[in-house]
């Protein structure tokens, strides 16, 4: 290194690491932080778990929870998170044999990827997604000079998100089928769910998402999805995000949008959700939002906020025809296109940003309606304030389904478009 650059590097290190300055008289010398015994033990534990996973008989010899020296569950919860974080940074936590060591059963390991404390999904974070690179980029290779298009790769290179729905995911229906005289109906729903899982295992999508209420039977069936396909369950207990080859997905509890109560956790979650929407809009990524209920129950102000943030799809469940009449007037999405005139267990509507802005301009002559809800959320975008800006033609698709089925969402590599297909 040239002496000039060495001097500049030393000065920069002195500024950024002033708290690590040594007591010696050398001004350019920077004291290195000394790792604690716990730091060294975490690295040693991660290395031991990695090496022991090479034993194909490890599950039979030392099952999780046996209190042996191979048992990762003996660690404190905080130490477990640190070891898993290190393995995640080393791209080792995605290995099923390593990931399984931190859970008591295989079912928990396949369905327990959501981390409420950090609001993400293990193995599907933005860091793992490598800033939205698609499958054309080697997962374990350094940055190449030119990205290889996914069309040149061998095999199925499409990024597919499968959204599974079933009547048992609705809590009221699940409880009704659990009573006496409803065993036949419940067996029918279970049979349909098994068909959906068999379809998922045949097609092998990138990720599987299910929203709603999950009892022990549903969780046991969903854990039968092939372990190479991550399964994400959104039961409305927490909010989180996950990334799949450039697609920015957010899961939000439906109760947080109601706005009829004040809670610190809800306020923090909604502030976090606003930042997620801003990131989707700024990065111009494929944005999808999943809710654990009927998306038509979300207030219009939040629907407009999602649409103006260029979210592609808002997916959730569908209310029964008997419950649709009980929905509060004005909360539903009435500026979309429905798939049918008669009530059904499936709906798909569209929210047009251009129509929303034009309808706001028509109110009170030249005045623009300012839609603000209890959270002080304005639906007016920064672009709409400038009269010279082009009209926003973005369309957000709002879908819901209560009957059994599988919806495939294909994430396009070049164009940010809504591309879905009902496989079942």
Protein backbone atom coordinates (compact mmCIF):
# COMPACT_ATOMS: atom_id res chain seq x y z
CA UNK A 1 0.00 0.00 0.00
CA UNK A 2 1.21 3.49 -0.87
CA UNK A 3 2.37 5.50 2.19
CA UNK A 4 -0.08 8.29 1.37
CA UNK A 5 -3.09 5.96 1.46
CA UNK A 6 -1.75 4.21 4.54
CA UNK A 7 -1.66 7.55 6.36
CA UNK A 8 -5.22 8.36 5.27
CA UNK A 9 -6.44 4.93 6.37
CA UNK A 10 -4.83 5.34 9.77
CA UNK A 11 -6.46 8.76 10.24
CA UNK A 12 -9.84 7.38 9.27
CA UNK A 13 -9.44 4.48 11.67
CA UNK A 14 -8.56 6.92 14.42
CA UNK A 15 -11.77 8.89 13.83
CA UNK A 16 -14.11 5.91 13.60
CA UNK A 17 -12.51 3.94 16.43
CA UNK A 18 -11.66 6.68 18.87
CA UNK A 19 -13.21 4.69 21.71
CA UNK A 20 -10.69 1.91 21.02
CA UNK A 21 -7.61 4.09 21.25
CA UNK A 22 -4.74 2.51 23.13
CA UNK A 23 -2.93 4.21 25.98
CA UNK A 24 0.35 4.25 24.05
CA UNK A 25 1.75 7.43 22.61
CA UNK A 26 1.39 6.22 19.03
CA UNK A 27 -1.51 8.19 17.59
CA UNK A 28 -1.93 5.90 14.59
CA UNK A 29 -2.15 2.73 16.69
CA UNK A 30 -5.69 1.48 17.20
CA UNK A 31 -6.39 -1.05 19.88
CA UNK A 32 -8.26 -4.12 18.64
CA UNK A 33 -11.32 -5.26 20.59
CA UNK A 34 -10.72 -8.44 22.57
CA UNK A 35 -13.47 -11.07 22.17
CA UNK A 36 -14.98 -12.33 25.39
CA UNK A 37 -15.10 -15.96 26.40
CA UNK A 38 -18.78 -16.02 25.45
CA UNK A 39 -17.99 -14.82 21.93
CA UNK A 40 -15.45 -17.59 21.50
CA UNK A 41 -17.83 -20.17 22.93
CA UNK A 42 -20.57 -19.14 20.48
CA UNK A 43 -18.25 -19.63 17.53
CA UNK A 44 -17.06 -22.97 18.88
CA UNK A 45 -20.65 -24.13 19.43
CA UNK A 46 -21.67 -23.13 15.92
CA UNK A 47 -18.68 -25.00 14.49
CA UNK A 48 -19.51 -28.07 16.58
CA UNK A 49 -23.14 -28.10 15.40
CA UNK A 50 -21.98 -27.75 11.79
CA UNK A 51 -19.54 -30.64 12.06
CA UNK A 52 -21.88 -32.92 13.98
CA UNK A 53 -24.59 -32.47 11.33
CA UNK A 54 -22.43 -34.54 8.97
CA UNK A 55 -23.30 -37.65 10.99
CA UNK A 56 -26.30 -39.21 9.24
CA UNK A 57 -27.26 -41.09 12.41
CA UNK A 58 -27.20 -38.01 14.63
CA UNK A 59 -31.01 -37.83 14.93
CA UNK A 60 -31.18 -41.40 16.24
CA UNK A 61 -28.18 -41.17 18.54
CA UNK A 62 -28.79 -37.73 20.01
CA UNK A 63 -32.35 -36.47 19.38
CA UNK A 64 -33.03 -32.84 20.35
CA UNK A 65 -33.96 -32.53 24.01
CA UNK A 66 -31.93 -35.52 25.29
CA UNK A 67 -29.69 -33.24 27.44
CA UNK A 68 -26.55 -34.65 25.83
CA UNK A 69 -23.59 -32.55 24.72
CA UNK A 70 -25.14 -32.55 21.22
CA UNK A 71 -28.37 -30.97 22.49
CA UNK A 72 -28.61 -27.34 21.34
CA UNK A 73 -31.75 -26.88 23.44
CA UNK A 74 -29.60 -26.87 26.58
CA UNK A 75 -28.44 -23.38 25.68
CA UNK A 76 -30.18 -20.33 27.09
CA UNK A 77 -32.68 -18.71 24.70
CA UNK A 78 -30.38 -15.72 24.24
CA UNK A 79 -27.42 -17.98 23.47
CA UNK A 80 -29.54 -20.01 21.06
CA UNK A 81 -30.41 -16.85 19.13
CA UNK A 82 -26.74 -15.83 18.99
CA UNK A 83 -25.64 -19.24 17.68
CA UNK A 84 -28.44 -19.30 15.13
CA UNK A 85 -27.56 -15.75 14.04
CA UNK A 86 -23.94 -16.77 13.48
CA UNK A 87 -24.97 -19.86 11.51
CA UNK A 88 -27.30 -17.69 9.48
CA UNK A 89 -24.49 -15.28 8.63
CA UNK A 90 -22.38 -18.25 7.57
CA UNK A 91 -25.24 -19.47 5.31
CA UNK A 92 -25.42 -22.72 7.26
CA UNK A 93 -28.75 -22.31 9.03
CA UNK A 94 -30.60 -23.01 5.78
CA UNK A 95 -29.43 -26.62 5.98
CA UNK A 96 -32.37 -28.67 7.35
CA UNK A 97 -30.14 -30.94 9.47
CA UNK A 98 -28.59 -27.93 11.22
CA UNK A 99 -31.82 -25.97 11.57
CA UNK A 100 -33.59 -28.97 13.09
CA UNK A 101 -31.17 -29.13 16.05
CA UNK A 102 -32.77 -26.05 17.62
CA UNK A 103 -36.29 -27.48 17.83
CA UNK A 104 -37.77 -30.29 19.87
CA UNK A 105 -39.68 -31.84 16.97
CA UNK A 106 -39.54 -31.82 13.19
CA UNK A 107 -42.92 -30.14 13.09
CA UNK A 108 -41.67 -27.19 15.14
CA UNK A 109 -38.57 -26.87 12.97
CA UNK A 110 -40.62 -26.65 9.77
CA UNK A 111 -43.23 -24.25 11.12
CA UNK A 112 -41.17 -22.19 13.57
CA UNK A 113 -39.24 -19.91 11.25
CA UNK A 114 -40.96 -16.68 12.26
CA UNK A 115 -39.00 -14.56 14.76
CA UNK A 116 -41.39 -12.06 16.42
CA UNK A 117 -38.59 -10.30 18.34
CA UNK A 118 -36.81 -9.25 15.12
CA UNK A 119 -39.92 -9.26 12.87
CA UNK A 120 -38.43 -11.50 10.22
CA UNK A 121 -38.24 -15.12 9.09
CA UNK A 122 -35.13 -17.21 9.61
CA UNK A 123 -33.43 -17.86 6.29
CA UNK A 124 -35.63 -15.36 4.41
CA UNK A 125 -34.23 -12.04 5.60
CA UNK A 126 -33.08 -9.17 3.41
CA UNK A 127 -29.47 -10.16 4.12
CA UNK A 128 -30.09 -13.70 2.88
CA UNK A 129 -31.86 -12.32 -0.16
CA UNK A 130 -28.68 -10.45 -1.14
CA UNK A 131 -30.41 -7.14 -1.90
CA UNK A 132 -32.98 -8.66 -4.24
CA UNK A 133 -30.81 -10.77 -6.51
CA UNK A 134 -32.68 -13.35 -8.50
CA UNK A 135 -31.83 -16.98 -9.09
CA UNK A 136 -29.40 -16.09 -11.87
CA UNK A 137 -26.87 -15.09 -9.21
CA UNK A 138 -24.89 -17.85 -7.51
CA UNK A 139 -25.91 -18.19 -3.89
CA UNK A 140 -22.49 -18.99 -2.51
CA UNK A 141 -20.33 -17.19 -5.07
CA UNK A 142 -18.92 -13.64 -4.98
CA UNK A 143 -20.35 -10.91 -7.15
CA UNK A 144 -19.72 -11.80 -10.83
CA UNK A 145 -19.06 -9.15 -13.44
CA UNK A 146 -22.29 -9.99 -15.24
CA UNK A 147 -25.47 -11.52 -13.88
CA UNK A 148 -26.58 -14.70 -15.61
CA UNK A 149 -30.24 -14.51 -16.62
CA UNK A 150 -32.43 -17.09 -14.97
CA UNK A 151 -33.66 -18.24 -18.40
CA UNK A 152 -30.21 -19.69 -19.12
CA UNK A 153 -30.19 -21.89 -16.06
CA UNK A 154 -31.25 -25.51 -16.15
CA UNK A 155 -34.44 -26.55 -14.38
CA UNK A 156 -37.29 -24.58 -12.87
CA UNK A 157 -35.93 -21.11 -12.13
CA UNK A 158 -39.22 -19.32 -11.53
CA UNK A 159 -39.74 -17.77 -8.11
CA UNK A 160 -43.16 -19.02 -6.99
CA UNK A 161 -45.01 -18.15 -3.79
CA UNK A 162 -47.82 -20.57 -3.00
CA UNK A 163 -50.65 -19.20 -0.87
CA UNK A 164 -52.66 -22.07 0.69
CA UNK A 165 -56.23 -21.54 1.90
CA UNK A 166 -58.70 -23.88 3.57
CA UNK A 167 -62.00 -23.44 5.44
CA UNK A 168 -60.33 -24.80 8.59
CA UNK A 169 -58.11 -21.70 8.63
CA UNK A 170 -61.23 -19.72 9.59
CA UNK A 171 -61.60 -19.99 13.37
CA UNK A 172 -65.40 -19.96 13.39
CA UNK A 173 -65.65 -22.74 10.80
CA UNK A 174 -62.94 -24.75 12.57
CA UNK A 175 -64.81 -24.57 15.86
CA UNK A 176 -68.12 -25.48 14.23
CA UNK A 177 -66.56 -28.55 12.60
CA UNK A 178 -65.09 -29.65 15.93
CA UNK A 179 -68.53 -30.25 17.46
CA UNK A 180 -70.65 -33.37 17.39
CA UNK A 181 -72.31 -34.21 14.10
CA UNK A 182 -69.71 -32.33 12.02
CA UNK A 183 -67.08 -35.07 11.75
CA UNK A 184 -67.87 -35.75 8.09
CA UNK A 185 -67.49 -32.08 7.12
CA UNK A 186 -64.21 -31.82 9.00
CA UNK A 187 -62.86 -34.95 7.33
CA UNK A 188 -63.74 -33.43 3.95
CA UNK A 189 -61.81 -30.24 4.73
CA UNK A 190 -58.83 -32.27 5.94
CA UNK A 191 -58.90 -34.35 2.77
CA UNK A 192 -58.89 -31.18 0.67
CA UNK A 193 -55.96 -29.77 2.65
CA UNK A 194 -54.00 -32.97 2.02
CA UNK A 195 -54.61 -32.53 -1.71
CA UNK A 196 -53.19 -29.01 -1.54
CA UNK A 197 -50.10 -30.23 0.29
CA UNK A 198 -49.55 -32.98 -2.26
CA UNK A 199 -49.76 -30.38 -5.02
CA UNK A 200 -47.18 -28.21 -3.24
CA UNK A 201 -44.80 -31.15 -2.85
CA UNK A 202 -45.09 -31.94 -6.55
CA UNK A 203 -44.49 -28.39 -7.79
CA UNK A 204 -41.86 -27.45 -5.14
CA UNK A 205 -42.40 -23.67 -4.94
CA UNK A 206 -39.93 -21.23 -3.42
CA UNK A 207 -42.02 -20.69 -0.30
CA UNK A 208 -45.46 -21.57 1.08
CA UNK A 209 -47.60 -19.04 2.98
CA UNK A 210 -50.76 -19.77 4.97
CA UNK A 211 -52.83 -17.21 6.90
CA UNK A 212 -55.52 -17.61 9.50
CA UNK A 213 -56.20 -19.87 12.47
CA UNK A 214 -54.24 -23.11 12.83
CA UNK A 215 -55.15 -25.87 15.25
CA UNK A 216 -52.97 -28.88 16.01
CA UNK A 217 -54.40 -30.87 13.10
CA UNK A 218 -53.71 -28.13 10.56
CA UNK A 219 -50.20 -27.55 11.87
CA UNK A 220 -49.44 -31.26 11.69
CA UNK A 221 -50.61 -31.44 8.07
CA UNK A 222 -48.75 -28.29 7.02
CA UNK A 223 -45.55 -29.71 8.50
CA UNK A 224 -45.78 -32.46 5.85
CA UNK A 225 -44.60 -29.99 3.23
CA UNK A 226 -41.19 -30.98 1.93
CA UNK A 227 -38.45 -29.66 4.19
CA UNK A 228 -36.73 -27.98 1.23
CA UNK A 229 -39.71 -25.60 0.95
CA UNK A 230 -40.00 -23.02 3.77
CA UNK A 231 -43.47 -22.83 5.32
CA UNK A 232 -44.60 -19.51 6.81
CA UNK A 233 -47.66 -19.46 9.05
CA UNK A 234 -49.29 -16.10 9.76
CA UNK A 235 -51.81 -16.50 12.59
CA UNK A 236 -52.06 -12.80 13.41
CA UNK A 237 -50.04 -12.99 16.61
CA UNK A 238 -47.20 -10.81 15.27
CA UNK A 239 -46.04 -8.81 12.27
CA UNK A 240 -42.96 -9.70 10.22
CA UNK A 241 -41.45 -9.52 6.76
CA UNK A 242 -39.62 -11.96 4.50
CA UNK A 243 -37.73 -11.67 1.24
CA UNK A 244 -37.76 -14.07 -1.72
CA UNK A 245 -35.48 -13.22 -4.65
CA UNK A 246 -36.40 -9.56 -4.73
CA UNK A 247 -39.98 -9.91 -3.49
CA UNK A 248 -40.64 -7.94 -0.31
CA UNK A 249 -43.44 -9.65 1.62
CA UNK A 250 -45.04 -8.31 4.80
CA UNK A 251 -47.42 -10.15 7.16
CA UNK A 252 -49.69 -7.94 9.29
CA UNK A 253 -52.40 -8.82 11.83
CA UNK A 254 -55.81 -7.60 10.68
CA UNK A 255 -56.66 -6.31 14.17
CA UNK A 256 -53.90 -3.69 13.94
CA UNK A 257 -55.78 -1.92 11.14
CA UNK A 258 -59.01 -1.51 13.07
CA UNK A 259 -57.77 1.54 15.01
CA UNK A 260 -60.36 1.28 17.77
CA UNK A 261 -57.87 0.82 20.57
CA UNK A 262 -54.57 2.36 21.64
CA UNK A 263 -51.76 -0.01 22.45
CA UNK A 264 -48.01 0.55 22.53
CA UNK A 265 -47.26 -2.66 20.66
CA UNK A 266 -49.79 -1.74 17.98
CA UNK A 267 -48.36 1.75 17.58
CA UNK A 268 -44.85 0.34 17.21
CA UNK A 269 -46.09 -2.22 14.69
CA UNK A 270 -47.88 0.39 12.57
CA UNK A 271 -44.83 2.66 12.61
CA UNK A 272 -42.76 -0.30 11.44
CA UNK A 273 -45.36 -1.06 8.75
CA UNK A 274 -45.16 2.51 7.43
CA UNK A 275 -41.39 2.08 7.00
CA UNK A 276 -41.94 -1.20 5.16
CA UNK A 277 -44.35 0.50 2.75
CA UNK A 278 -41.90 3.32 2.19
CA UNK A 279 -39.14 0.82 1.44
CA UNK A 280 -41.35 -1.01 -1.08
CA UNK A 281 -42.15 2.25 -2.83
CA UNK A 282 -38.59 3.59 -2.82
CA UNK A 283 -36.89 0.35 -3.89
CA UNK A 284 -39.64 -0.42 -6.45
CA UNK A 285 -39.65 -4.07 -5.43
CA UNK A 286 -42.34 -6.71 -5.72
CA UNK A 287 -44.45 -5.93 -2.67
CA UNK A 288 -47.00 -8.37 -1.23
CA UNK A 289 -48.94 -8.03 2.02
CA UNK A 290 -50.62 -10.93 3.81
CA UNK A 291 -53.32 -10.53 6.47
CA UNK A 292 -54.98 -13.15 8.66
CA UNK A 293 -58.55 -12.13 7.75
CA UNK A 294 -60.72 -10.54 5.09
CA UNK A 295 -58.74 -7.72 3.47
CA UNK A 296 -61.98 -5.86 2.72
CA UNK A 297 -62.26 -5.08 6.44
CA UNK A 298 -59.17 -2.85 6.25
CA UNK A 299 -60.08 0.89 6.29
CA UNK A 300 -59.90 2.73 3.00
CA UNK A 301 -57.17 5.03 4.26
CA UNK A 302 -54.81 2.10 4.74
CA UNK A 303 -55.87 0.56 1.42
CA UNK A 304 -54.98 3.85 -0.29
CA UNK A 305 -51.68 4.01 1.58
CA UNK A 306 -50.73 0.51 0.39
CA UNK A 307 -51.79 1.26 -3.17
CA UNK A 308 -49.80 4.48 -3.35
CA UNK A 309 -46.79 2.59 -1.97
CA UNK A 310 -47.00 0.42 -5.11
CA UNK A 311 -47.90 -2.81 -3.34
CA UNK A 312 -48.74 -5.42 -5.96
CA UNK A 313 -51.06 -7.64 -3.96
CA UNK A 314 -52.98 -7.72 -0.68
CA UNK A 315 -53.90 -11.30 0.16
CA UNK A 316 -56.00 -12.77 2.93
CA UNK A 317 -59.09 -14.82 3.70
CA UNK A 318 -62.71 -14.34 2.72
CA UNK A 319 -65.71 -13.99 4.97
CA UNK A 320 -68.67 -16.29 4.67
CA UNK A 321 -71.67 -14.83 2.77
CA UNK A 322 -73.60 -14.62 6.04
CA UNK A 323 -70.86 -12.47 7.60
CA UNK A 324 -70.46 -10.08 4.67
CA UNK A 325 -73.65 -8.21 5.54
CA UNK A 326 -72.32 -7.56 9.03
CA UNK A 327 -69.31 -5.64 7.72
CA UNK A 328 -69.36 -1.98 8.69
CA UNK A 329 -70.36 0.20 5.77
CA UNK A 330 -67.42 2.19 4.42
CA UNK A 331 -64.70 -0.18 5.58
CA UNK A 332 -64.85 -2.44 2.52
CA UNK A 333 -63.14 -1.91 -0.80
CA UNK A 334 -65.84 -0.61 -3.08
CA UNK A 335 -63.69 0.80 -5.91
CA UNK A 336 -62.63 -2.52 -7.34
CA UNK A 337 -63.76 -5.20 -9.73
CA UNK A 338 -65.39 -8.28 -8.22
CA UNK A 339 -65.29 -11.69 -9.86
CA UNK A 340 -69.01 -12.28 -9.51
CA UNK A 341 -72.32 -10.76 -8.57
CA UNK A 342 -73.35 -13.53 -6.18
CA UNK A 343 -71.69 -14.02 -2.80
CA UNK A 344 -68.96 -16.63 -2.95
CA UNK A 345 -66.00 -17.91 -1.00
CA UNK A 346 -63.56 -16.18 -3.36
CA UNK A 347 -63.17 -12.53 -4.36
CA UNK A 348 -60.67 -10.40 -6.23
CA UNK A 349 -60.85 -6.62 -6.42
CA UNK A 350 -58.57 -3.90 -7.72
CA UNK A 351 -57.52 -0.60 -6.22
CA UNK A 352 -56.53 2.01 -8.80
CA UNK A 353 -54.37 4.87 -7.58
CA UNK A 354 -55.42 7.04 -10.53
CA UNK A 355 -59.14 6.59 -9.78
CA UNK A 356 -58.55 7.33 -6.10
CA UNK A 357 -56.75 10.60 -6.88
CA UNK A 358 -59.37 11.68 -9.40
CA UNK A 359 -62.19 10.99 -6.93
CA UNK A 360 -60.43 13.07 -4.29
CA UNK A 361 -60.12 16.01 -6.67
CA UNK A 362 -63.84 15.96 -7.46
CA UNK A 363 -64.84 16.45 -3.81
CA UNK A 364 -65.81 20.01 -2.91
CA UNK A 365 -64.85 21.42 -6.25
CA UNK A 366 -61.15 22.19 -6.31
CA UNK A 367 -60.41 20.97 -2.78
CA UNK A 368 -58.67 17.68 -2.29
CA UNK A 369 -59.98 15.43 0.40
CA UNK A 370 -57.41 14.69 3.05
CA UNK A 371 -58.04 11.20 4.36
CA UNK A 372 -56.65 10.78 7.84
CA UNK A 373 -57.52 8.01 10.24
CA UNK A 374 -56.87 7.60 13.93
CA UNK A 375 -53.18 6.94 13.24
CA UNK A 376 -52.77 10.27 11.41
CA UNK A 377 -52.04 8.50 8.12
CA UNK A 378 -52.48 10.68 5.07
CA UNK A 379 -53.22 8.99 1.76
CA UNK A 380 -51.81 11.85 -0.27
CA UNK A 381 -48.51 10.98 -1.88
CA UNK A 382 -45.59 13.25 -2.51
CA UNK A 383 -46.03 12.85 -6.26
CA UNK A 384 -49.67 13.96 -6.22
CA UNK A 385 -48.72 17.28 -4.67
CA UNK A 386 -46.82 18.18 -7.82
CA UNK A 387 -49.26 19.01 -10.62
CA UNK A 388 -46.55 18.40 -13.26
CA UNK A 389 -45.93 14.82 -12.13
CA UNK A 390 -47.35 12.07 -14.36
CA UNK A 391 -50.46 10.27 -13.20
CA UNK A 392 -49.82 7.17 -11.15
CA UNK A 393 -51.34 4.22 -13.02
CA UNK A 394 -50.48 1.59 -10.40
CA UNK A 395 -53.14 -1.02 -9.59
CA UNK A 396 -53.10 -3.06 -6.39
CA UNK A 397 -54.90 -6.39 -6.43
CA UNK A 398 -56.88 -7.38 -3.34
CA UNK A 399 -57.77 -11.06 -3.14
CA UNK A 400 -59.32 -13.32 -0.55
CA UNK A 401 -60.36 -16.93 -0.39
CA UNK A 402 -61.92 -19.19 2.22
CA UNK A 403 -62.39 -22.38 0.23
CA UNK A 404 -59.61 -24.90 -0.18
CA UNK A 405 -57.07 -24.02 -2.84
CA UNK A 406 -53.55 -22.99 -3.83
CA UNK A 407 -52.73 -19.67 -5.48
CA UNK A 408 -49.36 -19.42 -7.22
CA UNK A 409 -47.77 -15.96 -7.24
CA UNK A 410 -44.94 -15.78 -9.78
CA UNK A 411 -42.30 -13.12 -9.14
CA UNK A 412 -41.19 -11.86 -12.52
CA UNK A 413 -37.50 -11.22 -12.97
CA UNK A 414 -37.67 -8.11 -15.15
CA UNK A 415 -41.14 -6.57 -14.85
CA UNK A 416 -42.98 -5.69 -11.65
CA UNK A 417 -46.38 -7.08 -12.57
CA UNK A 418 -49.16 -9.07 -10.88
CA UNK A 419 -48.87 -12.65 -12.13
CA UNK A 420 -50.99 -15.22 -10.29
CA UNK A 421 -52.68 -18.50 -11.09
CA UNK A 422 -55.12 -20.69 -9.18
CA UNK A 423 -53.57 -24.17 -9.19
CA UNK A 424 -56.34 -25.74 -7.14
